[in-house]
């Protein structure tokens, strides 16, 4: 693709392009679909640039300083400042989305742990006997549970 000066676009044209791209991204349901989309749409260099900016955002949210980020991933201060401005000015939603994803993953893990615990501790069930009765140790060894 040849070079194109984005500054030649009117604000309305820029919005239209962004809306089209946003609609396309919003249709993606899985990580696999998103990866396929990005790999076909962007050059490797563009993908790396976007990924590094997201990495910078996560480091800033995690509390790292500009100097620490610069040393860790060899990126310019202006890039870090731009991402920081983006985070403080326009990406409150991004932080909320990341927090929601973390909380959902933690809730899912708690639910699975609760389910495993509940399944293994219901008195009178064979699972309860196998797990809690010392006489069942041979049975557990045979099942590979120990």
N, C-alpha and C. Protein backbone atom coordinates (compact mmCIF):
# COMPACT_ATOMS: atom_id res chain seq x y z
N UNK A 1 0.85 -1.17 0.00
CA UNK A 1 0.00 0.00 0.00
C UNK A 1 0.90 1.24 0.00
N UNK A 2 0.55 2.21 -0.81
CA UNK A 2 1.37 3.41 -0.89
C UNK A 2 1.12 4.30 0.32
N UNK A 3 2.04 5.22 0.53
CA UNK A 3 1.91 6.13 1.66
C UNK A 3 0.75 7.08 1.41
N UNK A 4 0.08 7.43 2.49
CA UNK A 4 -1.05 8.34 2.41
C UNK A 4 -0.95 9.31 3.57
N UNK A 5 -1.11 10.58 3.26
CA UNK A 5 -1.03 11.60 4.30
C UNK A 5 -2.40 11.75 4.96
N UNK A 6 -2.51 11.21 6.17
CA UNK A 6 -3.79 11.25 6.87
C UNK A 6 -4.22 12.67 7.18
N UNK A 7 -3.28 13.59 7.21
CA UNK A 7 -3.62 14.99 7.51
C UNK A 7 -4.42 15.64 6.39
N UNK A 8 -4.41 15.02 5.20
CA UNK A 8 -5.19 15.55 4.08
C UNK A 8 -6.68 15.23 4.22
N UNK A 9 -7.02 14.36 5.14
CA UNK A 9 -8.42 13.99 5.36
C UNK A 9 -9.14 15.05 6.19
N UNK A 10 -10.40 15.24 5.88
CA UNK A 10 -11.21 16.14 6.71
C UNK A 10 -11.57 15.40 7.99
N UNK A 11 -11.94 16.13 9.04
CA UNK A 11 -12.35 15.46 10.28
C UNK A 11 -13.52 14.48 10.06
N UNK A 12 -14.43 14.83 9.16
CA UNK A 12 -15.56 13.93 8.88
C UNK A 12 -15.08 12.63 8.24
N UNK A 13 -14.12 12.73 7.33
CA UNK A 13 -13.58 11.52 6.70
C UNK A 13 -12.84 10.65 7.72
N UNK A 14 -12.11 11.29 8.60
CA UNK A 14 -11.40 10.53 9.65
C UNK A 14 -12.39 9.78 10.53
N UNK A 15 -13.47 10.48 10.93
CA UNK A 15 -14.51 9.84 11.75
C UNK A 15 -15.14 8.66 11.02
N UNK A 16 -15.38 8.84 9.71
CA UNK A 16 -15.99 7.78 8.92
C UNK A 16 -15.07 6.56 8.87
N UNK A 17 -13.78 6.78 8.66
CA UNK A 17 -12.81 5.67 8.63
C UNK A 17 -12.76 4.97 10.00
N UNK A 18 -12.72 5.77 11.06
CA UNK A 18 -12.67 5.21 12.40
C UNK A 18 -13.94 4.41 12.72
N UNK A 19 -15.09 4.95 12.31
CA UNK A 19 -16.35 4.23 12.53
C UNK A 19 -16.35 2.89 11.80
N UNK A 20 -15.88 2.87 10.56
CA UNK A 20 -15.83 1.62 9.79
C UNK A 20 -14.92 0.61 10.45
N UNK A 21 -13.75 1.07 10.88
CA UNK A 21 -12.81 0.17 11.55
C UNK A 21 -13.40 -0.33 12.87
N UNK A 22 -14.02 0.56 13.62
CA UNK A 22 -14.61 0.18 14.91
C UNK A 22 -15.71 -0.86 14.73
N UNK A 23 -16.54 -0.69 13.71
CA UNK A 23 -17.60 -1.66 13.44
C UNK A 23 -17.01 -3.02 13.10
N UNK A 24 -15.95 -3.03 12.30
CA UNK A 24 -15.31 -4.29 11.93
C UNK A 24 -14.73 -4.98 13.16
N UNK A 25 -14.06 -4.23 14.02
CA UNK A 25 -13.46 -4.79 15.23
C UNK A 25 -14.55 -5.30 16.17
N UNK A 26 -15.66 -4.58 16.25
CA UNK A 26 -16.74 -4.97 17.16
C UNK A 26 -17.39 -6.30 16.77
N UNK A 27 -17.24 -6.72 15.53
CA UNK A 27 -17.83 -7.99 15.10
C UNK A 27 -17.00 -9.19 15.52
N UNK A 28 -15.78 -8.95 15.98
CA UNK A 28 -14.89 -10.05 16.34
C UNK A 28 -15.28 -10.60 17.71
N UNK A 29 -15.43 -11.91 17.80
CA UNK A 29 -15.90 -12.52 19.05
C UNK A 29 -14.81 -13.23 19.83
N UNK A 30 -13.78 -13.69 19.16
CA UNK A 30 -12.76 -14.49 19.85
C UNK A 30 -11.38 -13.92 19.60
N UNK A 31 -10.45 -14.36 20.42
CA UNK A 31 -9.06 -13.96 20.26
C UNK A 31 -8.53 -14.42 18.90
N UNK A 32 -8.94 -15.62 18.49
CA UNK A 32 -8.49 -16.18 17.21
C UNK A 32 -8.98 -15.31 16.05
N UNK A 33 -10.24 -14.88 16.10
CA UNK A 33 -10.78 -14.01 15.05
C UNK A 33 -10.05 -12.67 15.03
N UNK A 34 -9.79 -12.11 16.21
CA UNK A 34 -9.10 -10.83 16.29
C UNK A 34 -7.69 -10.94 15.72
N UNK A 35 -7.01 -12.00 16.07
CA UNK A 35 -5.64 -12.21 15.57
C UNK A 35 -5.65 -12.33 14.04
N UNK A 36 -6.57 -13.13 13.50
CA UNK A 36 -6.69 -13.31 12.06
C UNK A 36 -6.94 -11.97 11.39
N UNK A 37 -7.86 -11.18 11.94
CA UNK A 37 -8.21 -9.86 11.41
C UNK A 37 -6.99 -8.94 11.38
N UNK A 38 -6.31 -8.84 12.52
CA UNK A 38 -5.16 -7.95 12.61
C UNK A 38 -4.02 -8.37 11.68
N UNK A 39 -3.77 -9.68 11.61
CA UNK A 39 -2.68 -10.16 10.77
C UNK A 39 -2.95 -9.91 9.29
N UNK A 40 -4.22 -9.90 8.88
CA UNK A 40 -4.55 -9.66 7.48
C UNK A 40 -4.63 -8.17 7.16
N UNK A 41 -4.99 -7.37 8.15
CA UNK A 41 -5.22 -5.95 7.93
C UNK A 41 -3.95 -5.10 8.08
N UNK A 42 -3.14 -5.42 9.08
CA UNK A 42 -1.99 -4.58 9.41
C UNK A 42 -0.68 -5.25 9.04
N UNK A 43 0.34 -4.42 8.85
CA UNK A 43 1.68 -4.97 8.65
C UNK A 43 2.22 -5.44 10.00
N UNK A 44 3.26 -6.24 9.96
CA UNK A 44 3.85 -6.72 11.21
C UNK A 44 4.33 -5.54 12.06
N UNK A 45 4.88 -4.54 11.41
CA UNK A 45 5.37 -3.36 12.12
C UNK A 45 4.22 -2.63 12.82
N UNK A 46 3.08 -2.49 12.15
CA UNK A 46 1.93 -1.82 12.75
C UNK A 46 1.39 -2.61 13.94
N UNK A 47 1.37 -3.92 13.81
CA UNK A 47 0.90 -4.77 14.91
C UNK A 47 1.81 -4.60 16.13
N UNK A 48 3.12 -4.61 15.89
CA UNK A 48 4.08 -4.47 16.99
C UNK A 48 3.92 -3.10 17.64
N UNK A 49 3.74 -2.05 16.84
CA UNK A 49 3.58 -0.71 17.40
C UNK A 49 2.34 -0.63 18.29
N UNK A 50 1.23 -1.19 17.83
CA UNK A 50 0.01 -1.18 18.65
C UNK A 50 0.18 -2.01 19.92
N UNK A 51 0.77 -3.18 19.77
CA UNK A 51 0.97 -4.07 20.93
C UNK A 51 1.87 -3.41 21.97
N UNK A 52 2.91 -2.73 21.51
CA UNK A 52 3.81 -2.05 22.46
C UNK A 52 3.09 -0.93 23.20
N UNK A 53 2.23 -0.21 22.51
CA UNK A 53 1.48 0.86 23.17
C UNK A 53 0.54 0.29 24.23
N UNK A 54 -0.09 -0.83 23.92
CA UNK A 54 -0.94 -1.47 24.93
C UNK A 54 -0.10 -1.97 26.10
N UNK A 55 1.09 -2.47 25.80
CA UNK A 55 2.00 -2.93 26.86
C UNK A 55 2.40 -1.74 27.74
N UNK A 56 2.68 -0.61 27.13
CA UNK A 56 3.02 0.60 27.89
C UNK A 56 1.84 0.99 28.78
N UNK A 57 0.63 0.95 28.23
CA UNK A 57 -0.57 1.30 29.01
C UNK A 57 -0.69 0.39 30.23
N UNK A 58 -0.50 -0.90 30.04
CA UNK A 58 -0.60 -1.84 31.16
C UNK A 58 0.48 -1.58 32.20
N UNK A 59 1.69 -1.22 31.75
CA UNK A 59 2.77 -0.92 32.69
C UNK A 59 2.46 0.35 33.48
N UNK A 60 1.92 1.37 32.79
CA UNK A 60 1.56 2.60 33.49
C UNK A 60 0.45 2.34 34.51
N UNK A 61 -0.55 1.57 34.12
CA UNK A 61 -1.63 1.22 35.03
C UNK A 61 -1.07 0.42 36.21
N UNK A 62 -0.06 -0.40 35.93
CA UNK A 62 0.57 -1.21 36.97
C UNK A 62 1.48 -0.41 37.89
N UNK A 63 1.69 0.88 37.59
CA UNK A 63 2.46 1.73 38.48
C UNK A 63 3.92 1.93 38.12
N UNK A 64 4.37 1.43 36.97
CA UNK A 64 5.76 1.64 36.58
C UNK A 64 5.98 3.09 36.17
N UNK A 65 7.18 3.59 36.40
CA UNK A 65 7.53 4.96 36.03
C UNK A 65 7.94 5.00 34.56
N UNK A 66 8.01 6.21 34.01
CA UNK A 66 8.46 6.38 32.63
C UNK A 66 9.84 5.76 32.44
N UNK A 67 10.75 6.04 33.38
CA UNK A 67 12.12 5.52 33.27
C UNK A 67 12.14 3.99 33.28
N UNK A 68 11.36 3.40 34.16
CA UNK A 68 11.32 1.93 34.23
C UNK A 68 10.80 1.34 32.92
N UNK A 69 9.77 1.95 32.36
CA UNK A 69 9.21 1.46 31.10
C UNK A 69 10.22 1.63 29.97
N UNK A 70 10.87 2.79 29.95
CA UNK A 70 11.85 3.05 28.89
C UNK A 70 12.99 2.03 28.94
N UNK A 71 13.46 1.72 30.14
CA UNK A 71 14.54 0.73 30.27
C UNK A 71 14.05 -0.67 29.92
N UNK A 72 12.84 -0.99 30.30
CA UNK A 72 12.33 -2.35 30.12
C UNK A 72 12.06 -2.70 28.66
N UNK A 73 11.45 -1.78 27.90
CA UNK A 73 11.10 -2.13 26.52
C UNK A 73 11.70 -1.20 25.47
N UNK A 74 12.66 -0.38 25.86
CA UNK A 74 13.39 0.49 24.92
C UNK A 74 12.44 1.28 24.02
N UNK A 75 11.68 2.13 24.65
CA UNK A 75 10.73 2.97 23.92
C UNK A 75 10.99 4.42 24.28
N UNK A 76 10.67 5.33 23.36
CA UNK A 76 10.92 6.75 23.60
C UNK A 76 9.98 7.36 24.61
N UNK A 77 10.46 8.40 25.27
CA UNK A 77 9.65 9.10 26.28
C UNK A 77 8.39 9.69 25.65
N UNK A 78 8.49 10.19 24.42
CA UNK A 78 7.31 10.79 23.78
C UNK A 78 6.21 9.75 23.58
N UNK A 79 6.58 8.52 23.27
CA UNK A 79 5.59 7.46 23.11
C UNK A 79 4.92 7.16 24.45
N UNK A 80 5.73 7.08 25.50
CA UNK A 80 5.18 6.82 26.84
C UNK A 80 4.25 7.95 27.25
N UNK A 81 4.68 9.20 27.00
CA UNK A 81 3.85 10.35 27.35
C UNK A 81 2.54 10.34 26.58
N UNK A 82 2.60 9.97 25.30
CA UNK A 82 1.38 9.90 24.49
C UNK A 82 0.41 8.87 25.02
N UNK A 83 0.93 7.71 25.39
CA UNK A 83 0.07 6.66 25.95
C UNK A 83 -0.49 7.11 27.30
N UNK A 84 0.33 7.77 28.10
CA UNK A 84 -0.13 8.26 29.40
C UNK A 84 -1.24 9.29 29.22
N UNK A 85 -1.08 10.19 28.25
CA UNK A 85 -2.13 11.17 27.96
C UNK A 85 -3.41 10.45 27.54
N UNK A 86 -3.24 9.44 26.69
CA UNK A 86 -4.40 8.66 26.24
C UNK A 86 -5.10 8.02 27.43
N UNK A 87 -4.31 7.46 28.35
CA UNK A 87 -4.90 6.81 29.53
C UNK A 87 -5.65 7.81 30.40
N UNK A 88 -5.05 8.97 30.62
CA UNK A 88 -5.67 9.93 31.53
C UNK A 88 -6.81 10.69 30.87
N UNK A 89 -6.72 10.97 29.58
CA UNK A 89 -7.73 11.79 28.92
C UNK A 89 -8.89 10.98 28.34
N UNK A 90 -8.56 9.92 27.63
CA UNK A 90 -9.61 9.29 26.82
C UNK A 90 -9.80 7.81 27.06
N UNK A 91 -9.05 7.22 27.94
CA UNK A 91 -9.13 5.76 28.04
C UNK A 91 -9.59 5.28 29.41
N UNK A 92 -10.40 6.04 30.07
CA UNK A 92 -10.98 5.57 31.33
C UNK A 92 -11.73 4.27 31.07
N UNK A 93 -12.40 4.22 29.91
CA UNK A 93 -13.14 3.01 29.54
C UNK A 93 -12.20 1.82 29.40
N UNK A 94 -11.01 2.05 28.84
CA UNK A 94 -10.05 0.95 28.67
C UNK A 94 -9.68 0.37 30.03
N UNK A 95 -9.44 1.23 30.99
CA UNK A 95 -9.10 0.76 32.33
C UNK A 95 -10.26 -0.03 32.94
N UNK A 96 -11.49 0.45 32.71
CA UNK A 96 -12.66 -0.27 33.23
C UNK A 96 -12.79 -1.64 32.59
N UNK A 97 -12.57 -1.71 31.28
CA UNK A 97 -12.66 -2.99 30.58
C UNK A 97 -11.63 -3.96 31.11
N UNK A 98 -10.39 -3.51 31.28
CA UNK A 98 -9.33 -4.39 31.81
C UNK A 98 -9.69 -4.86 33.22
N UNK A 99 -10.20 -3.95 34.03
CA UNK A 99 -10.57 -4.30 35.40
C UNK A 99 -11.73 -5.31 35.40
N UNK A 100 -12.72 -5.08 34.53
CA UNK A 100 -13.85 -6.01 34.43
C UNK A 100 -13.38 -7.40 34.01
N UNK A 101 -12.45 -7.45 33.05
CA UNK A 101 -11.93 -8.75 32.60
C UNK A 101 -11.20 -9.46 33.74
N UNK A 102 -10.39 -8.72 34.48
CA UNK A 102 -9.68 -9.32 35.61
C UNK A 102 -10.66 -9.84 36.65
N UNK A 103 -11.66 -9.02 36.97
CA UNK A 103 -12.66 -9.42 37.97
C UNK A 103 -13.47 -10.62 37.50
N UNK A 104 -13.80 -10.66 36.21
CA UNK A 104 -14.56 -11.80 35.67
C UNK A 104 -13.73 -13.08 35.75
N UNK A 105 -12.44 -12.97 35.43
CA UNK A 105 -11.56 -14.14 35.50
C UNK A 105 -11.43 -14.62 36.94
N UNK A 106 -11.29 -13.68 37.87
CA UNK A 106 -11.18 -14.04 39.29
C UNK A 106 -12.47 -14.67 39.79
N UNK A 107 -13.61 -14.12 39.37
CA UNK A 107 -14.90 -14.68 39.79
C UNK A 107 -15.09 -16.09 39.24
N UNK A 108 -14.68 -16.28 38.00
CA UNK A 108 -14.79 -17.61 37.39
C UNK A 108 -13.92 -18.61 38.14
N UNK A 109 -12.71 -18.19 38.49
CA UNK A 109 -11.81 -19.07 39.23
C UNK A 109 -12.38 -19.39 40.61
N UNK A 110 -12.94 -18.38 41.29
CA UNK A 110 -13.56 -18.62 42.60
C UNK A 110 -14.73 -19.59 42.48
N UNK A 111 -15.52 -19.41 41.42
CA UNK A 111 -16.68 -20.28 41.20
C UNK A 111 -16.23 -21.73 40.98
N UNK A 112 -15.16 -21.92 40.18
CA UNK A 112 -14.66 -23.27 39.93
C UNK A 112 -14.11 -23.89 41.20
N UNK A 113 -13.40 -23.10 41.99
CA UNK A 113 -12.85 -23.59 43.25
C UNK A 113 -13.99 -23.98 44.19
N UNK A 114 -15.01 -23.12 44.27
CA UNK A 114 -16.17 -23.41 45.11
C UNK A 114 -16.85 -24.70 44.66
N UNK A 115 -17.02 -24.85 43.36
CA UNK A 115 -17.68 -26.04 42.81
C UNK A 115 -16.89 -27.29 43.15
N UNK A 116 -15.58 -27.24 42.94
CA UNK A 116 -14.73 -28.39 43.26
C UNK A 116 -14.82 -28.71 44.75
N UNK A 117 -14.79 -27.68 45.57
CA UNK A 117 -14.86 -27.87 47.02
C UNK A 117 -16.21 -28.46 47.41
N UNK A 118 -17.28 -27.89 46.84
CA UNK A 118 -18.62 -28.36 47.15
C UNK A 118 -18.80 -29.81 46.71
N UNK A 119 -18.30 -30.13 45.51
CA UNK A 119 -18.42 -31.50 45.01
C UNK A 119 -17.64 -32.48 45.87
N UNK A 120 -16.52 -32.03 46.40
CA UNK A 120 -15.68 -32.96 47.15
C UNK A 120 -16.06 -33.05 48.63
N UNK A 121 -16.94 -32.18 49.10
CA UNK A 121 -17.23 -32.19 50.53
C UNK A 121 -18.68 -32.49 50.87
N UNK A 122 -19.49 -32.88 49.90
CA UNK A 122 -20.88 -33.21 50.21
C UNK A 122 -20.89 -34.56 50.92
N UNK A 123 -21.22 -34.57 52.22
CA UNK A 123 -21.21 -35.82 52.98
C UNK A 123 -22.16 -36.85 52.38
N UNK A 124 -21.74 -38.10 52.45
CA UNK A 124 -22.58 -39.18 51.97
C UNK A 124 -22.36 -39.56 50.52
N UNK A 125 -21.63 -38.72 49.78
CA UNK A 125 -21.37 -39.06 48.38
C UNK A 125 -20.12 -39.90 48.30
N UNK A 126 -20.00 -40.64 47.22
CA UNK A 126 -18.82 -41.49 47.04
C UNK A 126 -17.56 -40.62 46.95
N UNK A 127 -17.69 -39.45 46.30
CA UNK A 127 -16.53 -38.56 46.21
C UNK A 127 -16.07 -38.11 47.59
N UNK A 128 -17.03 -37.85 48.47
CA UNK A 128 -16.68 -37.43 49.82
C UNK A 128 -15.96 -38.55 50.55
N UNK A 129 -16.48 -39.75 50.42
CA UNK A 129 -15.84 -40.89 51.08
C UNK A 129 -14.43 -41.11 50.55
N UNK A 130 -14.30 -41.07 49.23
CA UNK A 130 -12.99 -41.32 48.62
C UNK A 130 -11.99 -40.27 49.09
N UNK A 131 -12.42 -39.02 49.17
CA UNK A 131 -11.49 -37.95 49.53
C UNK A 131 -11.20 -37.87 51.03
N UNK A 132 -12.17 -38.23 51.86
CA UNK A 132 -12.03 -37.95 53.29
C UNK A 132 -11.89 -39.17 54.19
N UNK A 133 -12.16 -40.32 53.72
CA UNK A 133 -12.05 -41.52 54.56
C UNK A 133 -10.66 -42.12 54.37
N UNK A 134 -9.86 -42.18 55.43
CA UNK A 134 -8.49 -42.69 55.31
C UNK A 134 -8.43 -44.13 54.80
N UNK A 135 -9.49 -44.87 54.99
CA UNK A 135 -9.49 -46.26 54.51
C UNK A 135 -9.57 -46.33 52.99
N UNK A 136 -9.88 -45.23 52.34
CA UNK A 136 -10.04 -45.22 50.88
C UNK A 136 -8.74 -44.85 50.17
N UNK A 137 -7.63 -44.77 50.90
CA UNK A 137 -6.38 -44.34 50.30
C UNK A 137 -5.95 -45.25 49.15
N UNK A 138 -6.14 -46.55 49.28
CA UNK A 138 -5.78 -47.48 48.21
C UNK A 138 -6.63 -47.19 46.97
N UNK A 139 -7.91 -46.93 47.18
CA UNK A 139 -8.80 -46.61 46.07
C UNK A 139 -8.33 -45.34 45.37
N UNK A 140 -7.93 -44.33 46.14
CA UNK A 140 -7.44 -43.07 45.57
C UNK A 140 -6.15 -43.29 44.81
N UNK A 141 -5.28 -44.15 45.32
CA UNK A 141 -4.05 -44.46 44.61
C UNK A 141 -4.35 -45.13 43.27
N UNK A 142 -5.31 -46.03 43.26
CA UNK A 142 -5.70 -46.71 42.02
C UNK A 142 -6.28 -45.74 41.00
N UNK A 143 -7.02 -44.75 41.49
CA UNK A 143 -7.61 -43.75 40.60
C UNK A 143 -6.59 -42.71 40.14
N UNK A 144 -5.44 -42.68 40.78
CA UNK A 144 -4.44 -41.67 40.44
C UNK A 144 -4.76 -40.32 41.03
N UNK A 145 -5.54 -40.29 42.08
CA UNK A 145 -5.96 -39.06 42.72
C UNK A 145 -4.92 -38.55 43.72
N UNK A 146 -3.94 -39.35 44.05
CA UNK A 146 -2.91 -38.94 45.00
C UNK A 146 -1.60 -38.70 44.31
